[in-house]
């Protein structure tokens, strides 16, 4: 199976409201169409996570931030351009995504991945994709495919083949909260 086959299968699954298990620029993630509230609900159920804990999304390009954030601070665009490690930014005033995806005060964490697979997936799908760690809430995040619990693998509709054999440990992204007034807080 090629990367292109995986991408096509992911897009089909996402378009039908299904869940995927996929490699990102950080750790393996559980993903769904971030605009589909029913799909987002399935992610919360699979992770056994309270739906008041927001999930992050991946976008293909900083140019698309304006489609999902009311007022994107200029600093955010600069940070995305200069970040050498994967960076998730939590923005105020998110819109055009499933209501059950948002955090308090309509906040949303967004990352622009630089990994080939995740970047192509986001670009081809054309909408934000949920990206939450492939684990049950409270359990350690899996840094390789082999560490992902069978319950998670069985709980999704499609498991990507690409990068399953990669045994290099991967880590989660840095997270900052960036307010529209330019103030920020480092979360992780």
C-alpha atoms as a PDB file:
ATOM      1  CA  UNK A   1       0.000   0.000   0.000  1.00  0.00           C
ATOM      2  CA  UNK A   2       1.331   3.441  -0.910  1.00  0.00           C
ATOM      3  CA  UNK A   3       1.062   6.742   0.924  1.00  0.00           C
ATOM      4  CA  UNK A   4      -1.419   7.823  -1.741  1.00  0.00           C
ATOM      5  CA  UNK A   5      -3.609   4.774  -1.001  1.00  0.00           C
ATOM      6  CA  UNK A   6      -3.548   5.647   2.715  1.00  0.00           C
ATOM      7  CA  UNK A   7      -4.433   9.271   1.973  1.00  0.00           C
ATOM      8  CA  UNK A   8      -7.379   8.273  -0.224  1.00  0.00           C
ATOM      9  CA  UNK A   9      -8.670   5.832   2.421  1.00  0.00           C
ATOM     10  CA  UNK A  10      -8.333   8.495   5.135  1.00  0.00           C
ATOM     11  CA  UNK A  11     -10.213  11.094   3.107  1.00  0.00           C
ATOM     12  CA  UNK A  12     -12.994   8.627   2.373  1.00  0.00           C
ATOM     13  CA  UNK A  13     -13.244   7.706   6.072  1.00  0.00           C
ATOM     14  CA  UNK A  14     -13.182  11.329   7.241  1.00  0.00           C
ATOM     15  CA  UNK A  15     -15.812  12.314   4.662  1.00  0.00           C
ATOM     16  CA  UNK A  16     -18.117   9.588   5.975  1.00  0.00           C
ATOM     17  CA  UNK A  17     -17.806  10.759   9.599  1.00  0.00           C
ATOM     18  CA  UNK A  18     -15.375   8.010  10.568  1.00  0.00           C
ATOM     19  CA  UNK A  19     -12.282   7.989  12.762  1.00  0.00           C
ATOM     20  CA  UNK A  20      -8.726   7.451  11.581  1.00  0.00           C
ATOM     21  CA  UNK A  21      -5.553   6.480  13.400  1.00  0.00           C
ATOM     22  CA  UNK A  22      -2.699   8.310  11.713  1.00  0.00           C
ATOM     23  CA  UNK A  23       0.877   9.519  12.133  1.00  0.00           C
ATOM     24  CA  UNK A  24       1.376  13.252  12.524  1.00  0.00           C
ATOM     25  CA  UNK A  25       4.412  15.484  12.802  1.00  0.00           C
ATOM     26  CA  UNK A  26       4.429  14.511  16.481  1.00  0.00           C
ATOM     27  CA  UNK A  27       2.839  11.353  17.890  1.00  0.00           C
ATOM     28  CA  UNK A  28       0.184   9.078  16.383  1.00  0.00           C
ATOM     29  CA  UNK A  29      -3.238  10.652  16.524  1.00  0.00           C
ATOM     30  CA  UNK A  30      -6.902   9.824  16.440  1.00  0.00           C
ATOM     31  CA  UNK A  31      -8.509  12.015  13.828  1.00  0.00           C
ATOM     32  CA  UNK A  32     -11.860  12.983  12.400  1.00  0.00           C
ATOM     33  CA  UNK A  33     -13.491  15.783  10.439  1.00  0.00           C
ATOM     34  CA  UNK A  34     -13.285  18.725  12.835  1.00  0.00           C
ATOM     35  CA  UNK A  35     -16.488  20.194  11.390  1.00  0.00           C
ATOM     36  CA  UNK A  36     -18.564  17.077  12.155  1.00  0.00           C
ATOM     37  CA  UNK A  37     -19.936  17.124  15.740  1.00  0.00           C
ATOM     38  CA  UNK A  38     -20.966  13.446  15.626  1.00  0.00           C
ATOM     39  CA  UNK A  39     -17.461  12.391  14.569  1.00  0.00           C
ATOM     40  CA  UNK A  40     -15.930  14.541  17.316  1.00  0.00           C
ATOM     41  CA  UNK A  41     -18.281  12.863  19.821  1.00  0.00           C
ATOM     42  CA  UNK A  42     -16.946   9.452  18.708  1.00  0.00           C
ATOM     43  CA  UNK A  43     -13.391  10.598  19.468  1.00  0.00           C
ATOM     44  CA  UNK A  44     -14.371  11.634  23.005  1.00  0.00           C
ATOM     45  CA  UNK A  45     -16.100   8.285  23.513  1.00  0.00           C
ATOM     46  CA  UNK A  46     -13.136   6.261  22.219  1.00  0.00           C
ATOM     47  CA  UNK A  47     -10.713   8.151  24.446  1.00  0.00           C
ATOM     48  CA  UNK A  48     -13.163   8.052  27.380  1.00  0.00           C
ATOM     49  CA  UNK A  49     -12.516  11.747  27.698  1.00  0.00           C
ATOM     50  CA  UNK A  50     -14.867  14.417  29.026  1.00  0.00           C
ATOM     51  CA  UNK A  51     -16.116  16.568  26.189  1.00  0.00           C
ATOM     52  CA  UNK A  52     -15.322  19.741  28.116  1.00  0.00           C
ATOM     53  CA  UNK A  53     -11.635  19.088  27.433  1.00  0.00           C
ATOM     54  CA  UNK A  54     -10.948  20.607  24.036  1.00  0.00           C
ATOM     55  CA  UNK A  55      -9.161  18.745  21.246  1.00  0.00           C
ATOM     56  CA  UNK A  56      -6.689  20.249  18.797  1.00  0.00           C
ATOM     57  CA  UNK A  57      -6.898  20.301  15.025  1.00  0.00           C
ATOM     58  CA  UNK A  58      -4.441  20.260  12.161  1.00  0.00           C
ATOM     59  CA  UNK A  59      -4.642  22.672   9.226  1.00  0.00           C
ATOM     60  CA  UNK A  60      -2.625  22.536   6.031  1.00  0.00           C
ATOM     61  CA  UNK A  61      -1.551  26.169   5.930  1.00  0.00           C
ATOM     62  CA  UNK A  62      -1.371  29.333   8.033  1.00  0.00           C
ATOM     63  CA  UNK A  63      -3.282  31.059   5.223  1.00  0.00           C
ATOM     64  CA  UNK A  64      -6.379  29.091   6.263  1.00  0.00           C
ATOM     65  CA  UNK A  65      -6.350  30.235   9.905  1.00  0.00           C
ATOM     66  CA  UNK A  66      -8.747  33.079   9.036  1.00  0.00           C
ATOM     67  CA  UNK A  67     -11.378  30.487   8.066  1.00  0.00           C
ATOM     68  CA  UNK A  68     -11.469  29.213  11.673  1.00  0.00           C
ATOM     69  CA  UNK A  69     -10.283  32.055  13.931  1.00  0.00           C
ATOM     70  CA  UNK A  70     -12.017  35.448  14.158  1.00  0.00           C
ATOM     71  CA  UNK A  71      -8.895  37.533  14.751  1.00  0.00           C
ATOM     72  CA  UNK A  72      -5.558  35.822  14.094  1.00  0.00           C
ATOM     73  CA  UNK A  73      -2.786  37.762  15.864  1.00  0.00           C
ATOM     74  CA  UNK A  74       0.107  38.647  13.554  1.00  0.00           C
ATOM     75  CA  UNK A  75       2.418  37.082  16.143  1.00  0.00           C
ATOM     76  CA  UNK A  76       0.776  33.704  15.451  1.00  0.00           C
ATOM     77  CA  UNK A  77       1.768  33.796  11.789  1.00  0.00           C
ATOM     78  CA  UNK A  78       5.320  34.724  12.758  1.00  0.00           C
ATOM     79  CA  UNK A  79       5.527  31.937  15.350  1.00  0.00           C
ATOM     80  CA  UNK A  80       4.264  29.352  12.854  1.00  0.00           C
ATOM     81  CA  UNK A  81       6.894  30.503  10.339  1.00  0.00           C
ATOM     82  CA  UNK A  82       9.851  30.352  12.751  1.00  0.00           C
ATOM     83  CA  UNK A  83       8.943  27.354  14.937  1.00  0.00           C
ATOM     84  CA  UNK A  84      11.513  24.590  14.612  1.00  0.00           C
ATOM     85  CA  UNK A  85       9.538  22.127  16.740  1.00  0.00           C
ATOM     86  CA  UNK A  86       5.857  21.286  16.255  1.00  0.00           C
ATOM     87  CA  UNK A  87       3.807  24.079  17.791  1.00  0.00           C
ATOM     88  CA  UNK A  88       0.123  24.112  18.685  1.00  0.00           C
ATOM     89  CA  UNK A  89      -1.372  27.539  19.241  1.00  0.00           C
ATOM     90  CA  UNK A  90      -4.634  27.975  21.145  1.00  0.00           C
ATOM     91  CA  UNK A  91      -6.630  30.835  19.651  1.00  0.00           C
ATOM     92  CA  UNK A  92      -9.592  32.848  20.935  1.00  0.00           C
ATOM     93  CA  UNK A  93     -12.731  33.205  18.848  1.00  0.00           C
ATOM     94  CA  UNK A  94     -12.796  29.968  16.880  1.00  0.00           C
ATOM     95  CA  UNK A  95     -15.635  29.248  14.450  1.00  0.00           C
ATOM     96  CA  UNK A  96     -16.552  26.967  11.528  1.00  0.00           C
ATOM     97  CA  UNK A  97     -15.743  23.806  13.518  1.00  0.00           C
ATOM     98  CA  UNK A  98     -17.918  21.424  15.533  1.00  0.00           C
ATOM     99  CA  UNK A  99     -19.259  23.087  18.684  1.00  0.00           C
ATOM    100  CA  UNK A 100     -18.124  20.180  20.882  1.00  0.00           C
ATOM    101  CA  UNK A 101     -14.537  20.698  19.771  1.00  0.00           C
ATOM    102  CA  UNK A 102     -14.158  24.152  21.286  1.00  0.00           C
ATOM    103  CA  UNK A 103     -12.700  24.995  24.653  1.00  0.00           C
ATOM    104  CA  UNK A 104     -13.842  27.603  27.108  1.00  0.00           C
ATOM    105  CA  UNK A 105     -14.627  30.967  25.462  1.00  0.00           C
ATOM    106  CA  UNK A 106     -14.597  29.375  21.991  1.00  0.00           C
ATOM    107  CA  UNK A 107     -10.889  28.619  22.048  1.00  0.00           C
ATOM    108  CA  UNK A 108      -9.293  26.147  19.641  1.00  0.00           C
ATOM    109  CA  UNK A 109      -5.817  24.644  19.445  1.00  0.00           C
ATOM    110  CA  UNK A 110      -4.461  24.548  15.889  1.00  0.00           C
ATOM    111  CA  UNK A 111      -1.206  23.144  14.532  1.00  0.00           C
ATOM    112  CA  UNK A 112       0.199  23.388  11.016  1.00  0.00           C
ATOM    113  CA  UNK A 113       2.046  20.064  10.566  1.00  0.00           C
ATOM    114  CA  UNK A 114       5.319  19.825   8.680  1.00  0.00           C
ATOM    115  CA  UNK A 115       5.245  16.040   8.343  1.00  0.00           C
ATOM    116  CA  UNK A 116       4.730  14.861   4.758  1.00  0.00           C
ATOM    117  CA  UNK A 117       1.775  12.580   5.474  1.00  0.00           C
ATOM    118  CA  UNK A 118      -0.145  14.915   7.805  1.00  0.00           C
ATOM    119  CA  UNK A 119       0.491  17.899   5.535  1.00  0.00           C
ATOM    120  CA  UNK A 120      -0.843  16.084   2.460  1.00  0.00           C
ATOM    121  CA  UNK A 121      -3.825  14.722   4.383  1.00  0.00           C
ATOM    122  CA  UNK A 122      -4.837  18.191   5.573  1.00  0.00           C
ATOM    123  CA  UNK A 123      -4.334  19.736   2.138  1.00  0.00           C
ATOM    124  CA  UNK A 124      -6.325  17.053   0.315  1.00  0.00           C
ATOM    125  CA  UNK A 125      -9.154  16.942   2.849  1.00  0.00           C
ATOM    126  CA  UNK A 126      -9.558  20.717   2.736  1.00  0.00           C
ATOM    127  CA  UNK A 127     -10.942  21.053   6.269  1.00  0.00           C
ATOM    128  CA  UNK A 128      -9.383  20.913   9.728  1.00  0.00           C
ATOM    129  CA  UNK A 129      -8.728  17.428  11.083  1.00  0.00           C
ATOM    130  CA  UNK A 130      -8.890  16.553  14.769  1.00  0.00           C
ATOM    131  CA  UNK A 131      -5.562  15.353  16.110  1.00  0.00           C
ATOM    132  CA  UNK A 132      -5.590  13.976  19.623  1.00  0.00           C
ATOM    133  CA  UNK A 133      -3.155  11.491  21.110  1.00  0.00           C
ATOM    134  CA  UNK A 134      -3.914   7.848  20.336  1.00  0.00           C
ATOM    135  CA  UNK A 135      -4.590   6.761  23.900  1.00  0.00           C
ATOM    136  CA  UNK A 136      -7.358   6.478  26.456  1.00  0.00           C
ATOM    137  CA  UNK A 137      -7.483   9.647  28.586  1.00  0.00           C
ATOM    138  CA  UNK A 138      -5.186   9.442  31.558  1.00  0.00           C
ATOM    139  CA  UNK A 139      -2.957   6.806  29.967  1.00  0.00           C
ATOM    140  CA  UNK A 140       0.500   7.700  28.611  1.00  0.00           C
ATOM    141  CA  UNK A 141       0.651   8.882  24.998  1.00  0.00           C
ATOM    142  CA  UNK A 142       2.089   6.330  22.594  1.00  0.00           C
ATOM    143  CA  UNK A 143       5.298   7.569  20.998  1.00  0.00           C
ATOM    144  CA  UNK A 144       5.299   4.783  18.367  1.00  0.00           C
ATOM    145  CA  UNK A 145       2.605   2.791  16.606  1.00  0.00           C
ATOM    146  CA  UNK A 146       3.554  -0.341  18.552  1.00  0.00           C
ATOM    147  CA  UNK A 147       2.702   1.380  21.842  1.00  0.00           C
ATOM    148  CA  UNK A 148      -0.901   2.155  20.839  1.00  0.00           C
ATOM    149  CA  UNK A 149      -3.438   0.117  22.804  1.00  0.00           C
ATOM    150  CA  UNK A 150      -5.442  -2.455  20.872  1.00  0.00           C
ATOM    151  CA  UNK A 151      -8.644  -0.814  22.130  1.00  0.00           C
ATOM    152  CA  UNK A 152      -7.720   2.350  20.216  1.00  0.00           C
ATOM    153  CA  UNK A 153      -6.678   0.475  17.077  1.00  0.00           C
ATOM    154  CA  UNK A 154      -9.964  -1.446  17.068  1.00  0.00           C
ATOM    155  CA  UNK A 155     -12.024   1.647  17.878  1.00  0.00           C
ATOM    156  CA  UNK A 156     -11.243   3.576  14.680  1.00  0.00           C
ATOM    157  CA  UNK A 157     -12.548   3.025  11.167  1.00  0.00           C
ATOM    158  CA  UNK A 158      -9.190   3.199   9.376  1.00  0.00           C
ATOM    159  CA  UNK A 159      -5.603   2.675  10.534  1.00  0.00           C
ATOM    160  CA  UNK A 160      -2.901   4.221   8.345  1.00  0.00           C
ATOM    161  CA  UNK A 161      -0.149   1.858   7.210  1.00  0.00           C
ATOM    162  CA  UNK A 162       2.439   4.572   6.619  1.00  0.00           C
ATOM    163  CA  UNK A 163       5.061   4.867   9.394  1.00  0.00           C
ATOM    164  CA  UNK A 164       3.846   1.871  11.426  1.00  0.00           C
ATOM    165  CA  UNK A 165       7.392   0.452  11.407  1.00  0.00           C
ATOM    166  CA  UNK A 166       8.977   3.695  12.602  1.00  0.00           C
ATOM    167  CA  UNK A 167      10.392   2.911  16.047  1.00  0.00           C
ATOM    168  CA  UNK A 168      11.885   6.348  16.727  1.00  0.00           C
ATOM    169  CA  UNK A 169      10.106   7.839  19.736  1.00  0.00           C
ATOM    170  CA  UNK A 170       8.062  10.935  18.907  1.00  0.00           C
ATOM    171  CA  UNK A 171       6.858  13.594  21.328  1.00  0.00           C
ATOM    172  CA  UNK A 172       3.808  15.824  21.542  1.00  0.00           C
ATOM    173  CA  UNK A 173       3.921  19.420  20.341  1.00  0.00           C
ATOM    174  CA  UNK A 174       4.632  22.500  22.381  1.00  0.00           C
ATOM    175  CA  UNK A 175       1.399  24.347  23.186  1.00  0.00           C
ATOM    176  CA  UNK A 176       0.914  28.049  23.745  1.00  0.00           C
ATOM    177  CA  UNK A 177      -2.254  30.072  24.292  1.00  0.00           C
ATOM    178  CA  UNK A 178      -2.180  33.262  22.248  1.00  0.00           C
ATOM    179  CA  UNK A 179      -4.844  35.881  22.915  1.00  0.00           C
ATOM    180  CA  UNK A 180      -6.038  38.297  20.257  1.00  0.00           C
ATOM    181  CA  UNK A 181      -4.374  41.123  22.228  1.00  0.00           C
ATOM    182  CA  UNK A 182      -0.976  39.446  21.696  1.00  0.00           C
ATOM    183  CA  UNK A 183      -0.481  38.110  25.231  1.00  0.00           C
ATOM    184  CA  UNK A 184       0.500  34.469  25.489  1.00  0.00           C
ATOM    185  CA  UNK A 185       0.860  31.683  27.992  1.00  0.00           C
ATOM    186  CA  UNK A 186       3.005  28.577  27.614  1.00  0.00           C
ATOM    187  CA  UNK A 187       0.894  25.485  28.303  1.00  0.00           C
ATOM    188  CA  UNK A 188       3.397  22.737  27.434  1.00  0.00           C
END
